[in-house]
Amino acid sequence: MSLALQIVVSGLAAGGVYGLFGIGHAVVYRLTGVVHLALGDLVALAVFTTLFVAAGTGPLTQSSGGARFWLGLLVGFTVCLLAGAGGYLAAIQPYLARGWTVGWVAATLALGFAVRALLEAAFPRPSYVFPDPFRIGRIGNDGVVDVGGASVQIRSLFVIGVVVALAAAAAWLLERTRFGRALHAVAADADGARFVGIPVERYVTLAFALAGGLAALGAIAAAPAAPFDVQTGALLGLKGLAAAVVVGFASPWRALAAGVAFGVLEATIANVDVGGLSLGPSYREVLPFALVLVLLAVRPFAEAARERE
């Protein structure tokens, strides 16, 4: 029972971050039909910009913090917003306007590779420790509390809370505000939205910026839990994309739920021993993606079967 609780809590924390990326992918796709292949790298740019402002390119410890770190956090988040908006205007919108799918696919891939190459040149260490400004590691027994006989990291509970708050904020923004209603109109009929006076390009640009910013906040909240490297952002973006694809780029809550399921599945694969068979952490990155591929392969046949009924 204690192991199950540990798996669920750690899976919820990791999966919640995947879900935030999934929300970003879903919003972008529903607005434009574009798969934002550079989303994870832009989030990595935000994380490493924060580290750069806080301490240059040298090593950090989790005890690092103070006003300089908070300034770095603000700068990193701003850079992510600007990169998201600029990436859309420079790498996606020109090709989208001409209906050239190959163009925006190649441009987003190039943008992601360019950001990754820049970070690898500036941050050559294998991985970096992200500061813990809230000193969560000092709570309980070195950041661990006993819940129902299970040792649970307080960081995981904190990340779960941040994820739920960010997802609720995204849902409120999309469903309850004038900006959100305008985005729904753009997603339904962009030409009709322009006809009634909605500034489509401005709103889509803001949506791209906020999609990256939302995922960046989730990644930054979870970053102190483990070493962060240049490839981490891309991997988070890929897992978020898998979550969004599974639910058909649906509503924010469904994308979040798919990301959570992805995270719990990963934690289960890494920790559970079934009938003497233990796959271990080496399979946690492989099997969930394999399952997604299987689901995508059988989905057309399932939809065809439903249409015949």
Protein backbone atom coordinates (compact mmCIF):
# COMPACT_ATOMS: atom_id res chain seq x y z
CA MET A 1 0.00 0.00 0.00
CA SER A 2 2.83 2.39 0.89
CA LEU A 3 4.59 1.67 -2.41
CA ALA A 4 1.37 2.28 -4.32
CA LEU A 5 0.93 5.66 -2.63
CA GLN A 6 4.50 6.65 -3.43
CA ILE A 7 4.00 5.67 -7.06
CA VAL A 8 0.75 7.59 -7.34
CA VAL A 9 2.13 10.77 -5.76
CA SER A 10 5.34 10.80 -7.79
CA GLY A 11 3.41 9.90 -10.94
CA LEU A 12 0.89 12.68 -10.35
CA ALA A 13 3.66 15.24 -9.91
CA ALA A 14 5.58 14.22 -13.05
CA GLY A 15 2.43 13.60 -15.08
CA GLY A 16 0.99 16.95 -14.08
CA VAL A 17 3.94 18.70 -15.71
CA TYR A 18 3.44 16.58 -18.85
CA GLY A 19 -0.21 17.61 -18.73
CA LEU A 20 0.68 21.31 -18.71
CA PHE A 21 2.75 20.77 -21.85
CA GLY A 22 -0.21 18.83 -23.24
CA ILE A 23 -2.49 21.81 -22.59
CA GLY A 24 -0.08 24.05 -24.46
CA HIS A 25 0.05 21.68 -27.42
CA ALA A 26 -3.73 21.31 -27.44
CA VAL A 27 -4.39 25.06 -27.41
CA VAL A 28 -1.90 25.70 -30.20
CA TYR A 29 -3.21 22.87 -32.36
CA ARG A 30 -6.87 23.78 -31.96
CA LEU A 31 -6.10 27.38 -32.96
CA THR A 32 -3.83 26.76 -35.92
CA GLY A 33 -3.58 23.04 -36.71
CA VAL A 34 0.13 23.33 -35.90
CA VAL A 35 2.09 20.88 -33.76
CA HIS A 36 4.51 23.08 -31.79
CA LEU A 37 7.65 20.95 -32.11
CA ALA A 38 9.85 23.55 -30.41
CA LEU A 39 7.72 23.97 -27.27
CA GLY A 40 9.94 21.87 -25.00
CA ASP A 41 13.13 23.62 -26.12
CA LEU A 42 11.59 27.03 -25.49
CA VAL A 43 10.76 25.95 -21.94
CA ALA A 44 14.36 24.75 -21.51
CA LEU A 45 15.41 28.23 -22.65
CA ALA A 46 13.33 29.73 -19.83
CA VAL A 47 14.85 27.41 -17.23
CA PHE A 48 18.43 28.05 -18.28
CA THR A 49 17.87 31.78 -18.64
CA THR A 50 16.76 31.75 -15.01
CA LEU A 51 19.93 29.89 -14.06
CA PHE A 52 22.09 32.26 -16.09
CA VAL A 53 20.70 35.38 -14.41
CA ALA A 54 20.94 33.71 -10.98
CA ALA A 55 24.53 32.48 -11.22
CA GLY A 56 25.97 32.68 -14.72
CA THR A 57 26.89 29.37 -16.33
CA GLY A 58 28.57 27.92 -13.25
CA PRO A 59 27.14 25.23 -10.98
CA LEU A 60 24.34 25.99 -8.55
CA THR A 61 23.07 24.32 -5.42
CA GLN A 62 19.48 23.95 -4.27
CA SER A 63 20.23 26.39 -1.46
CA SER A 64 20.96 29.15 -3.99
CA GLY A 65 18.27 31.77 -4.05
CA GLY A 66 17.63 35.31 -2.95
CA ALA A 67 16.60 38.35 -4.93
CA ARG A 68 18.87 37.48 -7.85
CA PHE A 69 17.16 34.15 -8.31
CA TRP A 70 13.70 35.75 -8.32
CA LEU A 71 14.95 38.27 -10.88
CA GLY A 72 16.19 35.34 -12.95
CA LEU A 73 12.81 33.67 -12.66
CA LEU A 74 11.08 36.80 -13.94
CA VAL A 75 13.56 37.19 -16.79
CA GLY A 76 13.34 33.51 -17.73
CA PHE A 77 9.55 33.57 -17.81
CA THR A 78 9.58 36.75 -19.91
CA VAL A 79 12.08 35.24 -22.33
CA CYS A 80 9.83 32.19 -22.71
CA LEU A 81 6.82 34.39 -23.49
CA LEU A 82 8.78 36.43 -26.03
CA ALA A 83 10.30 33.31 -27.61
CA GLY A 84 6.87 31.71 -27.90
CA ALA A 85 5.38 34.78 -29.57
CA GLY A 86 8.45 35.41 -31.73
CA GLY A 87 8.66 31.76 -32.74
CA TYR A 88 5.10 31.91 -34.03
CA LEU A 89 5.61 35.15 -35.95
CA ALA A 90 8.94 34.13 -37.48
CA ALA A 91 8.78 30.37 -37.87
CA ILE A 92 5.11 29.46 -38.19
CA GLN A 93 2.83 32.28 -39.31
CA PRO A 94 4.52 33.01 -42.68
CA TYR A 95 4.21 29.36 -43.75
CA LEU A 96 0.78 28.91 -42.18
CA ALA A 97 -0.53 31.88 -44.18
CA ARG A 98 0.60 30.15 -47.40
CA GLY A 99 -0.73 26.75 -46.31
CA TRP A 100 2.74 25.22 -46.50
CA THR A 101 2.82 22.47 -43.88
CA VAL A 102 6.37 21.38 -44.69
CA GLY A 103 7.51 24.95 -44.10
CA TRP A 104 6.25 25.30 -40.53
CA VAL A 105 7.32 21.75 -39.64
CA ALA A 106 10.86 22.45 -40.81
CA ALA A 107 10.89 25.90 -39.21
CA THR A 108 9.75 24.69 -35.78
CA LEU A 109 12.27 21.85 -35.87
CA ALA A 110 15.01 24.31 -36.84
CA LEU A 111 13.95 26.66 -34.03
CA GLY A 112 14.10 23.85 -31.49
CA PHE A 113 17.51 22.66 -32.68
CA ALA A 114 18.85 26.22 -32.68
CA VAL A 115 17.73 26.83 -29.10
CA ARG A 116 19.17 23.49 -28.00
CA ALA A 117 22.51 24.17 -29.70
CA LEU A 118 22.71 27.57 -28.04
CA LEU A 119 22.03 26.08 -24.61
CA GLU A 120 24.53 23.26 -25.13
CA ALA A 121 27.22 25.80 -26.06
CA ALA A 122 26.46 28.04 -23.08
CA PHE A 123 25.86 25.27 -20.52
CA PRO A 124 28.35 22.47 -21.25
CA ARG A 125 27.95 20.58 -17.95
CA PRO A 126 26.02 17.26 -18.14
CA SER A 127 23.30 18.58 -15.83
CA TYR A 128 22.48 21.44 -13.49
CA VAL A 129 20.79 21.72 -10.13
CA PHE A 130 17.89 24.15 -10.07
CA PRO A 131 17.57 26.25 -6.88
CA ASP A 132 14.74 25.63 -4.43
CA PRO A 133 13.57 29.14 -3.49
CA PHE A 134 10.91 27.85 -1.10
CA ARG A 135 13.39 25.66 0.83
CA ILE A 136 11.04 22.70 0.59
CA GLY A 137 13.95 20.40 1.32
CA ARG A 138 14.03 21.76 4.87
CA ILE A 139 10.44 20.71 5.60
CA GLY A 140 9.84 17.41 7.35
CA ASN A 141 12.71 14.94 7.23
CA ASP A 142 14.88 16.43 4.46
CA GLY A 143 11.80 17.21 2.39
CA VAL A 144 10.10 13.87 3.05
CA VAL A 145 7.00 13.20 5.16
CA ASP A 146 5.34 9.96 6.19
CA VAL A 147 1.81 9.56 4.80
CA GLY A 148 -0.01 6.31 5.49
CA GLY A 149 3.24 4.48 6.00
CA ALA A 150 4.70 5.80 2.74
CA SER A 151 7.60 8.24 2.44
CA VAL A 152 6.31 11.04 0.24
CA GLN A 153 8.38 13.94 -1.07
CA ILE A 154 6.89 17.31 -0.17
CA ARG A 155 8.22 18.58 -3.49
CA SER A 156 5.83 16.20 -5.28
CA LEU A 157 2.86 17.53 -3.30
CA PHE A 158 3.97 21.09 -4.05
CA VAL A 159 4.22 20.37 -7.78
CA ILE A 160 0.77 18.75 -7.78
CA GLY A 161 -0.69 21.87 -6.17
CA VAL A 162 1.04 24.17 -8.67
CA VAL A 163 -0.12 22.05 -11.60
CA VAL A 164 -3.75 22.05 -10.47
CA ALA A 165 -3.65 25.81 -9.93
CA LEU A 166 -2.10 26.47 -13.36
CA ALA A 167 -4.53 24.12 -15.12
CA ALA A 168 -7.48 25.78 -13.37
CA ALA A 169 -6.15 29.20 -14.39
CA ALA A 170 -5.79 28.04 -17.99
CA ALA A 171 -9.32 26.61 -18.01
CA TRP A 172 -10.69 29.82 -16.52
CA LEU A 173 -8.83 31.93 -19.08
CA LEU A 174 -10.11 29.82 -21.97
CA GLU A 175 -13.69 29.39 -20.78
CA ARG A 176 -14.58 32.47 -18.73
CA THR A 177 -12.83 35.44 -20.28
CA ARG A 178 -13.33 37.50 -23.40
CA PHE A 179 -9.88 36.49 -24.58
CA GLY A 180 -10.78 32.81 -24.22
CA ARG A 181 -14.07 33.21 -26.04
CA ALA A 182 -12.22 34.97 -28.85
CA LEU A 183 -9.80 32.04 -29.08
CA HIS A 184 -12.75 29.64 -29.33
CA ALA A 185 -14.12 31.75 -32.19
CA VAL A 186 -10.75 31.69 -33.94
CA ALA A 187 -10.51 27.92 -33.51
CA ALA A 188 -14.01 27.45 -34.94
CA ASP A 189 -13.68 29.81 -37.91
CA ALA A 190 -10.69 32.13 -38.24
CA ASP A 191 -12.12 33.96 -41.26
CA GLY A 192 -15.42 34.51 -39.48
CA ALA A 193 -13.56 35.79 -36.42
CA ARG A 194 -11.71 38.32 -38.59
CA PHE A 195 -14.99 39.38 -40.17
CA VAL A 196 -16.50 40.30 -36.79
CA GLY A 197 -13.42 42.29 -35.79
CA ILE A 198 -11.38 39.87 -33.68
CA PRO A 199 -7.62 40.58 -34.09
CA VAL A 200 -6.83 36.97 -34.97
CA GLU A 201 -3.06 37.23 -35.39
CA ARG A 202 -2.61 39.16 -32.17
CA TYR A 203 -4.66 36.66 -30.18
CA VAL A 204 -2.94 33.64 -31.70
CA THR A 205 0.47 35.19 -30.97
CA LEU A 206 -0.56 35.71 -27.33
CA ALA A 207 -1.81 32.13 -27.16
CA PHE A 208 1.56 30.81 -28.37
CA ALA A 209 3.32 32.92 -25.76
CA LEU A 210 1.03 31.79 -22.93
CA ALA A 211 1.25 28.13 -23.97
CA GLY A 212 5.00 28.24 -23.45
CA GLY A 213 4.70 30.29 -20.28
CA LEU A 214 2.24 27.83 -18.73
CA ALA A 215 4.51 24.86 -19.39
CA ALA A 216 7.56 26.82 -18.20
CA LEU A 217 5.98 27.52 -14.81
CA GLY A 218 5.22 23.84 -14.33
CA ALA A 219 8.73 22.81 -15.38
CA ILE A 220 10.34 25.39 -13.08
CA ALA A 221 8.21 24.22 -10.14
CA ALA A 222 9.38 20.63 -10.69
CA ALA A 223 12.98 21.38 -11.71
CA PRO A 224 14.52 21.26 -8.17
CA ALA A 225 13.35 17.64 -7.81
CA ALA A 226 16.11 16.30 -10.10
CA PRO A 227 19.08 17.48 -12.17
CA PHE A 228 18.02 19.43 -15.27
CA ASP A 229 19.90 19.23 -18.56
CA VAL A 230 19.50 20.69 -22.03
CA GLN A 231 17.58 17.64 -23.28
CA THR A 232 15.07 17.69 -20.41
CA GLY A 233 12.87 20.38 -21.94
CA ALA A 234 12.61 18.58 -25.28
CA LEU A 235 11.67 15.33 -23.53
CA LEU A 236 8.99 17.08 -21.47
CA GLY A 237 7.61 18.65 -24.63
CA LEU A 238 7.50 15.27 -26.36
CA LYS A 239 5.64 13.66 -23.45
CA GLY A 240 3.19 16.54 -23.39
CA LEU A 241 2.64 16.12 -27.11
CA ALA A 242 1.97 12.41 -26.60
CA ALA A 243 -0.63 13.26 -23.95
CA ALA A 244 -2.33 15.79 -26.22
CA VAL A 245 -2.38 13.38 -29.17
CA VAL A 246 -3.97 10.61 -27.10
CA VAL A 247 -6.99 12.80 -26.29
CA GLY A 248 -7.17 14.29 -29.77
CA PHE A 249 -5.94 17.76 -28.69
CA ALA A 250 -9.08 18.12 -26.61
CA SER A 251 -9.94 20.37 -23.66
CA PRO A 252 -7.28 21.45 -21.11
CA TRP A 253 -8.59 19.11 -18.41
CA ARG A 254 -8.51 16.08 -20.72
CA ALA A 255 -4.97 16.92 -21.82
CA LEU A 256 -3.98 17.26 -18.17
CA ALA A 257 -5.61 13.92 -17.33
CA ALA A 258 -3.72 12.21 -20.16
CA GLY A 259 -0.45 13.69 -18.92
CA VAL A 260 -1.17 12.49 -15.38
CA ALA A 261 -1.93 8.99 -16.67
CA PHE A 262 1.36 9.07 -18.59
CA GLY A 263 3.24 10.01 -15.41
CA VAL A 264 1.60 7.37 -13.24
CA LEU A 265 2.31 4.74 -15.89
CA GLU A 266 5.96 5.76 -15.95
CA ALA A 267 6.24 5.57 -12.16
CA THR A 268 4.54 2.17 -12.15
CA ILE A 269 6.88 0.75 -14.78
CA ALA A 270 9.92 2.03 -12.90
CA ASN A 271 8.94 0.68 -9.49
CA VAL A 272 6.50 -2.25 -9.66
CA ASP A 273 7.59 -5.88 -9.63
CA VAL A 274 4.90 -8.12 -11.21
CA GLY A 275 5.32 -11.88 -10.86
CA GLY A 276 9.04 -11.54 -10.37
CA LEU A 277 9.35 -9.34 -13.47
CA SER A 278 10.76 -5.88 -12.79
CA LEU A 279 11.25 -3.66 -15.83
CA GLY A 280 12.93 -0.84 -13.92
CA PRO A 281 13.66 2.81 -14.77
CA SER A 282 15.31 1.99 -18.11
CA TYR A 283 11.90 1.10 -19.58
CA ARG A 284 9.93 4.00 -18.14
CA GLU A 285 10.74 6.21 -21.14
CA VAL A 286 10.09 3.52 -23.75
CA LEU A 287 6.90 1.67 -22.88
CA PRO A 288 4.55 4.68 -22.46
CA PHE A 289 5.54 5.98 -25.90
CA ALA A 290 5.06 2.48 -27.31
CA LEU A 291 1.56 2.41 -25.83
CA VAL A 292 0.78 5.78 -27.41
CA LEU A 293 1.91 4.48 -30.78
CA VAL A 294 -0.33 1.42 -30.39
CA LEU A 295 -3.30 3.63 -29.50
CA LEU A 296 -2.69 5.81 -32.54
CA ALA A 297 -2.42 2.73 -34.75
CA VAL A 298 -5.72 1.21 -33.63
CA ARG A 299 -7.69 4.47 -33.39
CA PRO A 300 -8.60 4.67 -37.12
CA PHE A 301 -9.93 1.12 -37.05
CA ALA A 302 -11.98 1.83 -33.90
CA GLU A 303 -13.43 5.00 -35.43
CA ALA A 304 -14.26 3.14 -38.63
CA ALA A 305 -16.00 0.44 -36.61
CA ARG A 306 -18.11 3.04 -34.76
CA GLU A 307 -19.11 4.67 -38.05
CA ARG A 308 -20.36 1.29 -39.40
CA GLU A 309 -22.55 0.70 -36.36
